Amino acid sequence: MEEFDFTEFLGKPVVFNACPNYANINNLCELGMAIMCSPPAPWQRIDALKALFFLVTQFAMRTAQFKKTDWDASERAENSLCQSLLQMNTFMDIASMAAWGFRSLQKNQTST
């Protein structure tokens, strides 16, 4: 945002854009991909995902801005990057630690 600009959040003017309006789910996916493919260390990328990406998507999920099928598609697209980021290929046999809350990863663990 430019200096002296404001936006509305829950009907009230604020000086920062707390939750920008995303036109489609691809905009959110691009944000997540940019964080996961950035140059910092893996623990810094995970911290950035927790601090930035998940907070941005939380509002969109709670207000049902996109369909559940769109969220499933974005989860599948980002799972491969999460697996490479966490280097899960080396310890996939530890089923209790490998999934980390991703439903599709848990499905992969039970099928192998």
PDB file of N, CA and C in Angstrom:
ATOM      1  N   MET A   1       0.838  -1.183   0.000  1.00  0.00           N
ATOM      2  CA  MET A   1       0.000   0.000   0.000  1.00  0.00           C
ATOM      3  C   MET A   1       0.881   1.244   0.000  1.00  0.00           C
ATOM      4  N   GLU A   2       0.374   2.254  -0.600  1.00  0.00           N
ATOM      5  CA  GLU A   2       1.082   3.527  -0.633  1.00  0.00           C
ATOM      6  C   GLU A   2       0.930   4.242   0.710  1.00  0.00           C
ATOM      7  N   GLU A   3       1.800   5.202   0.946  1.00  0.00           N
ATOM      8  CA  GLU A   3       1.731   5.976   2.178  1.00  0.00           C
ATOM      9  C   GLU A   3       0.428   6.764   2.220  1.00  0.00           C
ATOM     10  N   PHE A   4      -0.188   6.829   3.379  1.00  0.00           N
ATOM     11  CA  PHE A   4      -1.453   7.512   3.647  1.00  0.00           C
ATOM     12  C   PHE A   4      -2.658   6.808   3.036  1.00  0.00           C
ATOM     13  N   ASP A   5      -2.491   5.630   2.478  1.00  0.00           N
ATOM     14  CA  ASP A   5      -3.625   4.848   1.993  1.00  0.00           C
ATOM     15  C   ASP A   5      -4.191   4.028   3.144  1.00  0.00           C
ATOM     16  N   PHE A   6      -5.427   3.615   3.018  1.00  0.00           N
ATOM     17  CA  PHE A   6      -6.023   2.733   4.003  1.00  0.00           C
ATOM     18  C   PHE A   6      -6.958   1.780   3.293  1.00  0.00           C
ATOM     19  N   THR A   7      -7.327   0.749   3.991  1.00  0.00           N
ATOM     20  CA  THR A   7      -8.286  -0.216   3.484  1.00  0.00           C
ATOM     21  C   THR A   7      -9.279  -0.503   4.592  1.00  0.00           C
ATOM     22  N   GLU A   8     -10.325  -1.224   4.291  1.00  0.00           N
ATOM     23  CA  GLU A   8     -11.308  -1.576   5.314  1.00  0.00           C
ATOM     24  C   GLU A   8     -11.154  -3.032   5.697  1.00  0.00           C
ATOM     25  N   PHE A   9     -11.210  -3.290   6.987  1.00  0.00           N
ATOM     26  CA  PHE A   9     -11.168  -4.650   7.519  1.00  0.00           C
ATOM     27  C   PHE A   9     -12.350  -4.797   8.453  1.00  0.00           C
ATOM     28  N   LEU A  10     -13.267  -5.697   8.123  1.00  0.00           N
ATOM     29  CA  LEU A  10     -14.504  -5.901   8.870  1.00  0.00           C
ATOM     30  C   LEU A  10     -15.291  -4.592   9.002  1.00  0.00           C
ATOM     31  N   GLY A  11     -15.263  -3.796   7.929  1.00  0.00           N
ATOM     32  CA  GLY A  11     -16.031  -2.568   7.895  1.00  0.00           C
ATOM     33  C   GLY A  11     -15.368  -1.363   8.525  1.00  0.00           C
ATOM     34  N   LYS A  12     -14.194  -1.524   9.095  1.00  0.00           N
ATOM     35  CA  LYS A  12     -13.491  -0.417   9.748  1.00  0.00           C
ATOM     36  C   LYS A  12     -12.236  -0.073   8.962  1.00  0.00           C
ATOM     37  N   PRO A  13     -11.934   1.213   8.802  1.00  0.00           N
ATOM     38  CA  PRO A  13     -10.711   1.575   8.079  1.00  0.00           C
ATOM     39  C   PRO A  13      -9.462   1.254   8.897  1.00  0.00           C
ATOM     40  N   VAL A  14      -8.503   0.635   8.259  1.00  0.00           N
ATOM     41  CA  VAL A  14      -7.212   0.344   8.878  1.00  0.00           C
ATOM     42  C   VAL A  14      -6.126   0.815   7.917  1.00  0.00           C
ATOM     43  N   VAL A  15      -4.935   1.053   8.461  1.00  0.00           N
ATOM     44  CA  VAL A  15      -3.865   1.602   7.632  1.00  0.00           C
ATOM     45  C   VAL A  15      -3.004   0.521   7.001  1.00  0.00           C
ATOM     46  N   PHE A  16      -3.312  -0.727   7.233  1.00  0.00           N
ATOM     47  CA  PHE A  16      -2.596  -1.825   6.595  1.00  0.00           C
ATOM     48  C   PHE A  16      -3.618  -2.787   6.028  1.00  0.00           C
ATOM     49  N   ASN A  17      -3.219  -3.542   5.066  1.00  0.00           N
ATOM     50  CA  ASN A  17      -4.123  -4.487   4.428  1.00  0.00           C
ATOM     51  C   ASN A  17      -4.019  -5.819   5.150  1.00  0.00           C
ATOM     52  N   ALA A  18      -4.883  -6.027   6.122  1.00  0.00           N
ATOM     53  CA  ALA A  18      -4.812  -7.234   6.946  1.00  0.00           C
ATOM     54  C   ALA A  18      -5.096  -8.487   6.135  1.00  0.00           C
ATOM     55  N   CYS A  19      -6.114  -8.459   5.337  1.00  0.00           N
ATOM     56  CA  CYS A  19      -6.486  -9.612   4.516  1.00  0.00           C
ATOM     57  C   CYS A  19      -6.865  -9.118   3.128  1.00  0.00           C
ATOM     58  N   PRO A  20      -5.923  -9.079   2.216  1.00  0.00           N
ATOM     59  CA  PRO A  20      -6.261  -8.598   0.876  1.00  0.00           C
ATOM     60  C   PRO A  20      -7.256  -9.530   0.199  1.00  0.00           C
ATOM     61  N   ASN A  21      -8.012  -8.982  -0.707  1.00  0.00           N
ATOM     62  CA  ASN A  21      -8.963  -9.792  -1.463  1.00  0.00           C
ATOM     63  C   ASN A  21      -8.212 -10.516  -2.567  1.00  0.00           C
ATOM     64  N   TYR A  22      -8.223 -11.821  -2.511  1.00  0.00           N
ATOM     65  CA  TYR A  22      -7.566 -12.615  -3.537  1.00  0.00           C
ATOM     66  C   TYR A  22      -8.602 -13.005  -4.577  1.00  0.00           C
ATOM     67  N   ALA A  23      -8.276 -12.778  -5.833  1.00  0.00           N
ATOM     68  CA  ALA A  23      -9.217 -13.040  -6.916  1.00  0.00           C
ATOM     69  C   ALA A  23      -9.496 -14.532  -7.061  1.00  0.00           C
ATOM     70  N   ASN A  24      -8.452 -15.347  -6.907  1.00  0.00           N
ATOM     71  CA  ASN A  24      -8.645 -16.791  -7.011  1.00  0.00           C
ATOM     72  C   ASN A  24      -7.622 -17.502  -6.131  1.00  0.00           C
ATOM     73  N   ILE A  25      -7.778 -18.785  -6.026  1.00  0.00           N
ATOM     74  CA  ILE A  25      -6.915 -19.582  -5.148  1.00  0.00           C
ATOM     75  C   ILE A  25      -5.477 -19.610  -5.654  1.00  0.00           C
ATOM     76  N   ASN A  26      -5.287 -19.388  -6.944  1.00  0.00           N
ATOM     77  CA  ASN A  26      -3.927 -19.399  -7.495  1.00  0.00           C
ATOM     78  C   ASN A  26      -3.066 -18.288  -6.909  1.00  0.00           C
ATOM     79  N   ASN A  27      -3.675 -17.150  -6.570  1.00  0.00           N
ATOM     80  CA  ASN A  27      -2.910 -16.073  -5.945  1.00  0.00           C
ATOM     81  C   ASN A  27      -2.362 -16.511  -4.592  1.00  0.00           C
ATOM     82  N   LEU A  28      -3.174 -17.222  -3.824  1.00  0.00           N
ATOM     83  CA  LEU A  28      -2.704 -17.738  -2.539  1.00  0.00           C
ATOM     84  C   LEU A  28      -1.634 -18.799  -2.737  1.00  0.00           C
ATOM     85  N   CYS A  29      -1.825 -19.658  -3.729  1.00  0.00           N
ATOM     86  CA  CYS A  29      -0.826 -20.701  -4.001  1.00  0.00           C
ATOM     87  C   CYS A  29       0.510 -20.090  -4.401  1.00  0.00           C
ATOM     88  N   GLU A  30       0.462 -19.034  -5.188  1.00  0.00           N
ATOM     89  CA  GLU A  30       1.707 -18.370  -5.593  1.00  0.00           C
ATOM     90  C   GLU A  30       2.442 -17.796  -4.390  1.00  0.00           C
ATOM     91  N   LEU A  31       1.694 -17.269  -3.420  1.00  0.00           N
ATOM     92  CA  LEU A  31       2.318 -16.758  -2.199  1.00  0.00           C
ATOM     93  C   LEU A  31       3.018 -17.879  -1.439  1.00  0.00           C
ATOM     94  N   GLY A  32       2.340 -19.011  -1.286  1.00  0.00           N
ATOM     95  CA  GLY A  32       2.947 -20.154  -0.604  1.00  0.00           C
ATOM     96  C   GLY A  32       4.147 -20.703  -1.344  1.00  0.00           C
ATOM     97  N   MET A  33       4.045 -20.796  -2.663  1.00  0.00           N
ATOM     98  CA  MET A  33       5.170 -21.300  -3.460  1.00  0.00           C
ATOM     99  C   MET A  33       6.369 -20.360  -3.382  1.00  0.00           C
ATOM    100  N   ALA A  34       6.107 -19.056  -3.379  1.00  0.00           N
ATOM    101  CA  ALA A  34       7.207 -18.092  -3.286  1.00  0.00           C
ATOM    102  C   ALA A  34       7.941 -18.233  -1.958  1.00  0.00           C
ATOM    103  N   ILE A  35       7.205 -18.484  -0.897  1.00  0.00           N
ATOM    104  CA  ILE A  35       7.845 -18.671   0.412  1.00  0.00           C
ATOM    105  C   ILE A  35       8.640 -19.963   0.428  1.00  0.00           C
ATOM    106  N   MET A  36       8.052 -21.053  -0.092  1.00  0.00           N
ATOM    107  CA  MET A  36       8.731 -22.349  -0.032  1.00  0.00           C
ATOM    108  C   MET A  36       9.940 -22.428  -0.952  1.00  0.00           C
ATOM    109  N   CYS A  37       9.965 -21.642  -2.006  1.00  0.00           N
ATOM    110  CA  CYS A  37      11.096 -21.668  -2.940  1.00  0.00           C
ATOM    111  C   CYS A  37      12.099 -20.551  -2.677  1.00  0.00           C
ATOM    112  N   SER A  38      11.928 -19.817  -1.595  1.00  0.00           N
ATOM    113  CA  SER A  38      12.825 -18.704  -1.296  1.00  0.00           C
ATOM    114  C   SER A  38      14.162 -19.217  -0.762  1.00  0.00           C
ATOM    115  N   PRO A  39      15.210 -18.378  -0.785  1.00  0.00           N
ATOM    116  CA  PRO A  39      16.553 -18.843  -0.423  1.00  0.00           C
ATOM    117  C   PRO A  39      16.855 -19.062   1.063  1.00  0.00           C
ATOM    118  N   PRO A  40      16.095 -18.587   2.040  1.00  0.00           N
ATOM    119  CA  PRO A  40      16.503 -18.816   3.431  1.00  0.00           C
ATOM    120  C   PRO A  40      16.576 -20.295   3.798  1.00  0.00           C
ATOM    121  N   ALA A  41      17.067 -20.554   4.989  1.00  0.00           N
ATOM    122  CA  ALA A  41      17.191 -21.918   5.499  1.00  0.00           C
ATOM    123  C   ALA A  41      15.804 -22.551   5.644  1.00  0.00           C
ATOM    124  N   PRO A  42      15.726 -23.893   5.625  1.00  0.00           N
ATOM    125  CA  PRO A  42      14.415 -24.551   5.738  1.00  0.00           C
ATOM    126  C   PRO A  42      13.633 -24.153   6.986  1.00  0.00           C
ATOM    127  N   TRP A  43      14.290 -24.021   8.124  1.00  0.00           N
ATOM    128  CA  TRP A  43      13.547 -23.645   9.335  1.00  0.00           C
ATOM    129  C   TRP A  43      12.990 -22.230   9.216  1.00  0.00           C
ATOM    130  N   GLN A  44      13.671 -21.343   8.472  1.00  0.00           N
ATOM    131  CA  GLN A  44      13.162 -19.989   8.272  1.00  0.00           C
ATOM    132  C   GLN A  44      11.964 -19.990   7.323  1.00  0.00           C
ATOM    133  N   ARG A  45      11.993 -20.867   6.333  1.00  0.00           N
ATOM    134  CA  ARG A  45      10.850 -20.970   5.418  1.00  0.00           C
ATOM    135  C   ARG A  45       9.628 -21.522   6.143  1.00  0.00           C
ATOM    136  N   ILE A  46       9.842 -22.503   7.015  1.00  0.00           N
ATOM    137  CA  ILE A  46       8.728 -23.047   7.796  1.00  0.00           C
ATOM    138  C   ILE A  46       8.154 -21.968   8.702  1.00  0.00           C
ATOM    139  N   ASP A  47       9.022 -21.183   9.324  1.00  0.00           N
ATOM    140  CA  ASP A  47       8.572 -20.096  10.183  1.00  0.00           C
ATOM    141  C   ASP A  47       7.798 -19.056   9.378  1.00  0.00           C
ATOM    142  N   ALA A  48       8.259 -18.755   8.169  1.00  0.00           N
ATOM    143  CA  ALA A  48       7.546 -17.802   7.310  1.00  0.00           C
ATOM    144  C   ALA A  48       6.188 -18.354   6.891  1.00  0.00           C
ATOM    145  N   LEU A  49       6.115 -19.656   6.628  1.00  0.00           N
ATOM    146  CA  LEU A  49       4.817 -20.263   6.301  1.00  0.00           C
ATOM    147  C   LEU A  49       3.851 -20.116   7.467  1.00  0.00           C
ATOM    148  N   LYS A  50       4.332 -20.396   8.676  1.00  0.00           N
ATOM    149  CA  LYS A  50       3.476 -20.290   9.857  1.00  0.00           C
ATOM    150  C   LYS A  50       3.065 -18.849  10.121  1.00  0.00           C
ATOM    151  N   ALA A  51       4.002 -17.921   9.972  1.00  0.00           N
ATOM    152  CA  ALA A  51       3.727 -16.533  10.323  1.00  0.00           C
ATOM    153  C   ALA A  51       2.960 -15.777   9.242  1.00  0.00           C
ATOM    154  N   LEU A  52       3.157 -16.124   7.986  1.00  0.00           N
ATOM    155  CA  LEU A  52       2.551 -15.349   6.901  1.00  0.00           C
ATOM    156  C   LEU A  52       1.475 -16.115   6.149  1.00  0.00           C
ATOM    157  N   PHE A  53       1.855 -17.230   5.560  1.00  0.00           N
ATOM    158  CA  PHE A  53       0.950 -17.937   4.657  1.00  0.00           C
ATOM    159  C   PHE A  53      -0.274 -18.494   5.379  1.00  0.00           C
ATOM    160  N   PHE A  54      -0.072 -19.173   6.508  1.00  0.00           N
ATOM    161  CA  PHE A  54      -1.207 -19.785   7.192  1.00  0.00           C
ATOM    162  C   PHE A  54      -2.140 -18.738   7.789  1.00  0.00           C
ATOM    163  N   LEU A  55      -1.618 -17.597   8.208  1.00  0.00           N
ATOM    164  CA  LEU A  55      -2.487 -16.542   8.719  1.00  0.00           C
ATOM    165  C   LEU A  55      -3.323 -15.916   7.608  1.00  0.00           C
ATOM    166  N   VAL A  56      -2.733 -15.767   6.433  1.00  0.00           N
ATOM    167  CA  VAL A  56      -3.477 -15.208   5.301  1.00  0.00           C
ATOM    168  C   VAL A  56      -4.573 -16.168   4.864  1.00  0.00           C
ATOM    169  N   THR A  57      -4.253 -17.451   4.799  1.00  0.00           N
ATOM    170  CA  THR A  57      -5.251 -18.418   4.334  1.00  0.00           C
ATOM    171  C   THR A  57      -6.332 -18.678   5.374  1.00  0.00           C
ATOM    172  N   GLN A  58      -6.035 -18.462   6.640  1.00  0.00           N
ATOM    173  CA  GLN A  58      -7.010 -18.731   7.690  1.00  0.00           C
ATOM    174  C   GLN A  58      -8.270 -17.892   7.497  1.00  0.00           C
ATOM    175  N   PHE A  59      -8.118 -16.617   7.200  1.00  0.00           N
ATOM    176  CA  PHE A  59      -9.279 -15.755   7.002  1.00  0.00           C
ATOM    177  C   PHE A  59     -10.080 -16.194   5.784  1.00  0.00           C
ATOM    178  N   ALA A  60      -9.376 -16.536   4.714  1.00  0.00           N
ATOM    179  CA  ALA A  60     -10.076 -16.977   3.503  1.00  0.00           C
ATOM    180  C   ALA A  60     -10.821 -18.291   3.741  1.00  0.00           C
ATOM    181  N   MET A  61     -10.248 -19.180   4.542  1.00  0.00           N
ATOM    182  CA  MET A  61     -10.927 -20.444   4.847  1.00  0.00           C
ATOM    183  C   MET A  61     -12.151 -20.214   5.722  1.00  0.00           C
ATOM    184  N   ARG A  62     -12.010 -19.392   6.739  1.00  0.00           N
ATOM    185  CA  ARG A  62     -13.122 -19.172   7.672  1.00  0.00           C
ATOM    186  C   ARG A  62     -14.296 -18.457   7.030  1.00  0.00           C
ATOM    187  N   THR A  63     -14.019 -17.624   6.051  1.00  0.00           N
ATOM    188  CA  THR A  63     -15.100 -16.903   5.383  1.00  0.00           C
ATOM    189  C   THR A  63     -15.565 -17.599   4.111  1.00  0.00           C
ATOM    190  N   ALA A  64     -15.045 -18.791   3.843  1.00  0.00           N
ATOM    191  CA  ALA A  64     -15.449 -19.620   2.696  1.00  0.00           C
ATOM    192  C   ALA A  64     -15.365 -18.847   1.383  1.00  0.00           C
ATOM    193  N   GLN A  65     -14.229 -18.204   1.160  1.00  0.00           N
ATOM    194  CA  GLN A  65     -14.044 -17.458  -0.083  1.00  0.00           C
ATOM    195  C   GLN A  65     -13.854 -18.387  -1.278  1.00  0.00           C
ATOM    196  N   PHE A  66     -13.366 -19.597  -1.027  1.00  0.00           N
ATOM    197  CA  PHE A  66     -13.127 -20.560  -2.098  1.00  0.00           C
ATOM    198  C   PHE A  66     -13.763 -21.894  -1.725  1.00  0.00           C
ATOM    199  N   LYS A  67     -14.023 -22.715  -2.733  1.00  0.00           N
ATOM    200  CA  LYS A  67     -14.622 -24.031  -2.505  1.00  0.00           C
ATOM    201  C   LYS A  67     -13.613 -24.977  -1.866  1.00  0.00           C
ATOM    202  N   LYS A  68     -14.133 -26.018  -1.217  1.00  0.00           N
ATOM    203  CA  LYS A  68     -13.249 -27.015  -0.602  1.00  0.00           C
ATOM    204  C   LYS A  68     -12.412 -27.742  -1.644  1.00  0.00           C
ATOM    205  N   THR A  69     -12.953 -27.930  -2.819  1.00  0.00           N
ATOM    206  CA  THR A  69     -12.173 -28.594  -3.870  1.00  0.00           C
ATOM    207  C   THR A  69     -10.985 -27.740  -4.290  1.00  0.00           C
ATOM    208  N   ASP A  70     -11.157 -26.413  -4.255  1.00  0.00           N
ATOM    209  CA  ASP A  70     -10.030 -25.526  -4.559  1.00  0.00           C
ATOM    210  C   ASP A  70      -8.941 -25.655  -3.502  1.00  0.00           C
ATOM    211  N   TRP A  71      -9.347 -25.754  -2.231  1.00  0.00           N
ATOM    212  CA  TRP A  71      -8.363 -25.909  -1.153  1.00  0.00           C
ATOM    213  C   TRP A  71      -7.642 -27.244  -1.274  1.00  0.00           C
ATOM    214  N   ASP A  72      -8.375 -28.292  -1.662  1.00  0.00           N
ATOM    215  CA  ASP A  72      -7.727 -29.596  -1.847  1.00  0.00           C
ATOM    216  C   ASP A  72      -6.702 -29.550  -2.974  1.00  0.00           C
ATOM    217  N   ALA A  73      -7.040 -28.851  -4.045  1.00  0.00           N
ATOM    218  CA  ALA A  73      -6.102 -28.736  -5.162  1.00  0.00           C
ATOM    219  C   ALA A  73      -4.852 -27.968  -4.752  1.00  0.00           C
ATOM    220  N   SER A  74      -5.022 -26.914  -3.968  1.00  0.00           N
ATOM    221  CA  SER A  74      -3.846 -26.154  -3.528  1.00  0.00           C
ATOM    222  C   SER A  74      -3.006 -26.969  -2.553  1.00  0.00           C
ATOM    223  N   GLU A  75      -3.654 -27.782  -1.720  1.00  0.00           N
ATOM    224  CA  GLU A  75      -2.909 -28.632  -0.786  1.00  0.00           C
ATOM    225  C   GLU A  75      -2.074 -29.665  -1.540  1.00  0.00           C
ATOM    226  N   ARG A  76      -2.665 -30.274  -2.572  1.00  0.00           N
ATOM    227  CA  ARG A  76      -1.905 -31.244  -3.361  1.00  0.00           C
ATOM    228  C   ARG A  76      -0.720 -30.589  -4.061  1.00  0.00           C
ATOM    229  N   ALA A  77      -0.917 -29.367  -4.543  1.00  0.00           N
ATOM    230  CA  ALA A  77       0.161 -28.674  -5.249  1.00  0.00           C
ATOM    231  C   ALA A  77       1.312 -28.333  -4.321  1.00  0.00           C
ATOM    232  N   GLU A  78       1.014 -28.034  -3.082  1.00  0.00           N
ATOM    233  CA  GLU A  78       2.060 -27.620  -2.147  1.00  0.00           C
ATOM    234  C   GLU A  78       2.664 -28.781  -1.367  1.00  0.00           C
ATOM    235  N   ASN A  79       2.034 -29.943  -1.383  1.00  0.00           N
ATOM    236  CA  ASN A  79       2.559 -31.081  -0.626  1.00  0.00           C
ATOM    237  C   ASN A  79       3.928 -31.529  -1.109  1.00  0.00           C
ATOM    238  N   SER A  80       4.136 -31.530  -2.411  1.00  0.00           N
ATOM    239  CA  SER A  80       5.435 -31.976  -2.917  1.00  0.00           C
ATOM    240  C   SER A  80       6.538 -31.036  -2.462  1.00  0.00           C
ATOM    241  N   LEU A  81       6.253 -29.734  -2.446  1.00  0.00           N
ATOM    242  CA  LEU A  81       7.259 -28.792  -1.960  1.00  0.00           C
ATOM    243  C   LEU A  81       7.473 -28.927  -0.457  1.00  0.00           C
ATOM    244  N   CYS A  82       6.405 -29.201   0.285  1.00  0.00           N
ATOM    245  CA  CYS A  82       6.564 -29.410   1.732  1.00  0.00           C
ATOM    246  C   CYS A  82       7.401 -30.653   2.002  1.00  0.00           C
ATOM    247  N   GLN A  83       7.172 -31.701   1.234  1.00  0.00           N
ATOM    248  CA  GLN A  83       7.955 -32.920   1.422  1.00  0.00           C
ATOM    249  C   GLN A  83       9.426 -32.675   1.142  1.00  0.00           C
ATOM    250  N   SER A  84       9.727 -31.946   0.080  1.00  0.00           N
ATOM    251  CA  SER A  84      11.133 -31.677  -0.216  1.00  0.00           C
ATOM    252  C   SER A  84      11.730 -30.701   0.786  1.00  0.00           C
ATOM    253  N   LEU A  85      10.932 -29.766   1.271  1.00  0.00           N
ATOM    254  CA  LEU A  85      11.415 -28.814   2.266  1.00  0.00           C
ATOM    255  C   LEU A  85      11.769 -29.519   3.571  1.00  0.00           C
ATOM    256  N   LEU A  86      10.928 -30.440   3.982  1.00  0.00           N
ATOM    257  CA  LEU A  86      11.170 -31.173   5.228  1.00  0.00           C
ATOM    258  C   LEU A  86      12.039 -32.400   5.025  1.00  0.00           C
ATOM    259  N   GLN A  87      12.412 -32.681   3.791  1.00  0.00           N
ATOM    260  CA  GLN A  87      13.217 -33.843   3.432  1.00  0.00           C
ATOM    261  C   GLN A  87      12.605 -35.122   4.003  1.00  0.00           C
ATOM    262  N   MET A  88      11.310 -35.283   3.735  1.00  0.00           N
ATOM    263  CA  MET A  88      10.569 -36.418   4.275  1.00  0.00           C
ATOM    264  C   MET A  88      10.952 -37.738   3.635  1.00  0.00           C
ATOM    265  N   ASN A  89      11.566 -37.713   2.475  1.00  0.00           N
ATOM    266  CA  ASN A  89      11.920 -38.969   1.818  1.00  0.00           C
ATOM    267  C   ASN A  89      12.880 -39.788   2.661  1.00  0.00           C
ATOM    268  N   THR A  90      13.676 -39.137   3.500  1.00  0.00           N
ATOM    269  CA  THR A  90      14.668 -39.866   4.285  1.00  0.00           C
ATOM    270  C   THR A  90      14.080 -40.543   5.509  1.00  0.00           C
ATOM    271  N   PHE A  91      12.948 -40.060   6.000  1.00  0.00           N
ATOM    272  CA  PHE A  91      12.381 -40.690   7.192  1.00  0.00           C
ATOM    273  C   PHE A  91      10.883 -40.952   7.064  1.00  0.00           C
ATOM    274  N   MET A  92      10.436 -41.343   5.879  1.00  0.00           N
ATOM    275  CA  MET A  92       9.022 -41.616   5.667  1.00  0.00           C
ATOM    276  C   MET A  92       8.530 -42.847   6.416  1.00  0.00           C
ATOM    277  N   ASP A  93       9.437 -43.698   6.898  1.00  0.00           N
ATOM    278  CA  ASP A  93       8.998 -44.890   7.612  1.00  0.00           C
ATOM    279  C   ASP A  93       8.495 -44.568   9.009  1.00  0.00           C
ATOM    280  N   ILE A  94       8.766 -43.393   9.521  1.00  0.00           N
ATOM    281  CA  ILE A  94       8.270 -43.017  10.840  1.00  0.00           C
ATOM    282  C   ILE A  94       6.891 -42.389  10.638  1.00  0.00           C
ATOM    283  N   ALA A  95       5.871 -43.212  10.667  1.00  0.00           N
ATOM    284  CA  ALA A  95       4.525 -42.765  10.299  1.00  0.00           C
ATOM    285  C   ALA A  95       3.977 -41.723  11.262  1.00  0.00           C
ATOM    286  N   SER A  96       4.336 -41.795  12.522  1.00  0.00           N
ATOM    287  CA  SER A  96       3.775 -40.850  13.482  1.00  0.00           C
ATOM    288  C   SER A  96       4.325 -39.447  13.293  1.00  0.00           C
ATOM    289  N   MET A  97       5.493 -39.301  12.694  1.00  0.00           N
ATOM    290  CA  MET A  97       6.089 -37.980  12.526  1.00  0.00           C
ATOM    291  C   MET A  97       6.029 -37.489  11.085  1.00  0.00           C
ATOM    292  N   ALA A  98       5.710 -38.328  10.138  1.00  0.00           N
ATOM    293  CA  ALA A  98       5.837 -37.962   8.725  1.00  0.00           C
ATOM    294  C   ALA A  98       4.693 -37.095   8.229  1.00  0.00           C
ATOM    295  N   ALA A  99       3.501 -37.217   8.776  1.00  0.00           N
ATOM    296  CA  ALA A  99       2.351 -36.549   8.185  1.00  0.00           C
ATOM    297  C   ALA A  99       2.242 -35.076   8.557  1.00  0.00           C
ATOM    298  N   TRP A 100       2.482 -34.699   9.769  1.00  0.00           N
ATOM    299  CA  TRP A 100       2.434 -33.307  10.235  1.00  0.00           C
ATOM    300  C   TRP A 100       1.102 -32.629   9.946  1.00  0.00           C
ATOM    301  N   GLY A 101       0.005 -33.360   9.957  1.00  0.00           N
ATOM    302  CA  GLY A 101      -1.304 -32.756   9.804  1.00  0.00           C
ATOM    303  C   GLY A 101      -1.811 -32.617   8.387  1.00  0.00           C
ATOM    304  N   PHE A 102      -1.035 -33.023   7.397  1.00  0.00           N
ATOM    305  CA  PHE A 102      -1.507 -32.956   6.025  1.00  0.00           C
ATOM    306  C   PHE A 102      -2.312 -34.220   5.734  1.00  0.00           C
ATOM    307  N   ARG A 103      -3.586 -34.034   5.384  1.00  0.00           N
ATOM    308  CA  ARG A 103      -4.450 -35.192   5.174  1.00  0.00           C
ATOM    309  C   ARG A 103      -3.949 -36.094   4.056  1.00  0.00           C
ATOM    310  N   SER A 104      -3.513 -35.527   2.963  1.00  0.00           N
ATOM    311  CA  SER A 104      -3.083 -36.360   1.842  1.00  0.00           C
ATOM    312  C   SER A 104      -1.793 -37.096   2.162  1.00  0.00           C
ATOM    313  N   LEU A 105      -0.933 -36.527   3.007  1.00  0.00           N
ATOM    314  CA  LEU A 105       0.267 -37.244   3.416  1.00  0.00           C
ATOM    315  C   LEU A 105      -0.100 -38.424   4.307  1.00  0.00           C
ATOM    316  N   GLN A 106      -1.105 -38.229   5.159  1.00  0.00           N
ATOM    317  CA  GLN A 106      -1.543 -39.327   6.006  1.00  0.00           C
ATOM    318  C   GLN A 106      -2.121 -40.450   5.160  1.00  0.00           C
ATOM    319  N   LYS A 107      -2.839 -40.099   4.097  1.00  0.00           N
ATOM    320  CA  LYS A 107      -3.381 -41.122   3.200  1.00  0.00           C
ATOM    321  C   LYS A 107      -2.249 -41.884   2.528  1.00  0.00           C
ATOM    322  N   ASN A 108      -1.190 -41.169   2.125  1.00  0.00           N
ATOM    323  CA  ASN A 108      -0.049 -41.825   1.495  1.00  0.00           C
ATOM    324  C   ASN A 108       0.632 -42.778   2.464  1.00  0.00           C
ATOM    325  N   GLN A 109       0.683 -42.422   3.735  1.00  0.00           N
ATOM    326  CA  GLN A 109       1.335 -43.272   4.722  1.00  0.00           C
ATOM    327  C   GLN A 109       0.553 -44.563   4.939  1.00  0.00           C
ATOM    328  N   THR A 110      -0.776 -44.472   4.949  1.00  0.00           N
ATOM    329  CA  THR A 110      -1.565 -45.668   5.192  1.00  0.00           C
ATOM    330  C   THR A 110      -1.600 -46.584   3.980  1.00  0.00           C
ATOM    331  N   SER A 111      -1.402 -46.028   2.787  1.00  0.00           N
ATOM    332  CA  SER A 111      -1.470 -46.858   1.586  1.00  0.00           C
ATOM    333  C   SER A 111      -0.173 -47.604   1.313  1.00  0.00           C
ATOM    334  N   THR A 112       0.957 -47.172   1.915  1.00  0.00           N
ATOM    335  CA  THR A 112       2.227 -47.849   1.656  1.00  0.00           C
ATOM    336  C   THR A 112       2.492 -48.942   2.646  1.00  0.00           C
TER     337      THR A 112
END
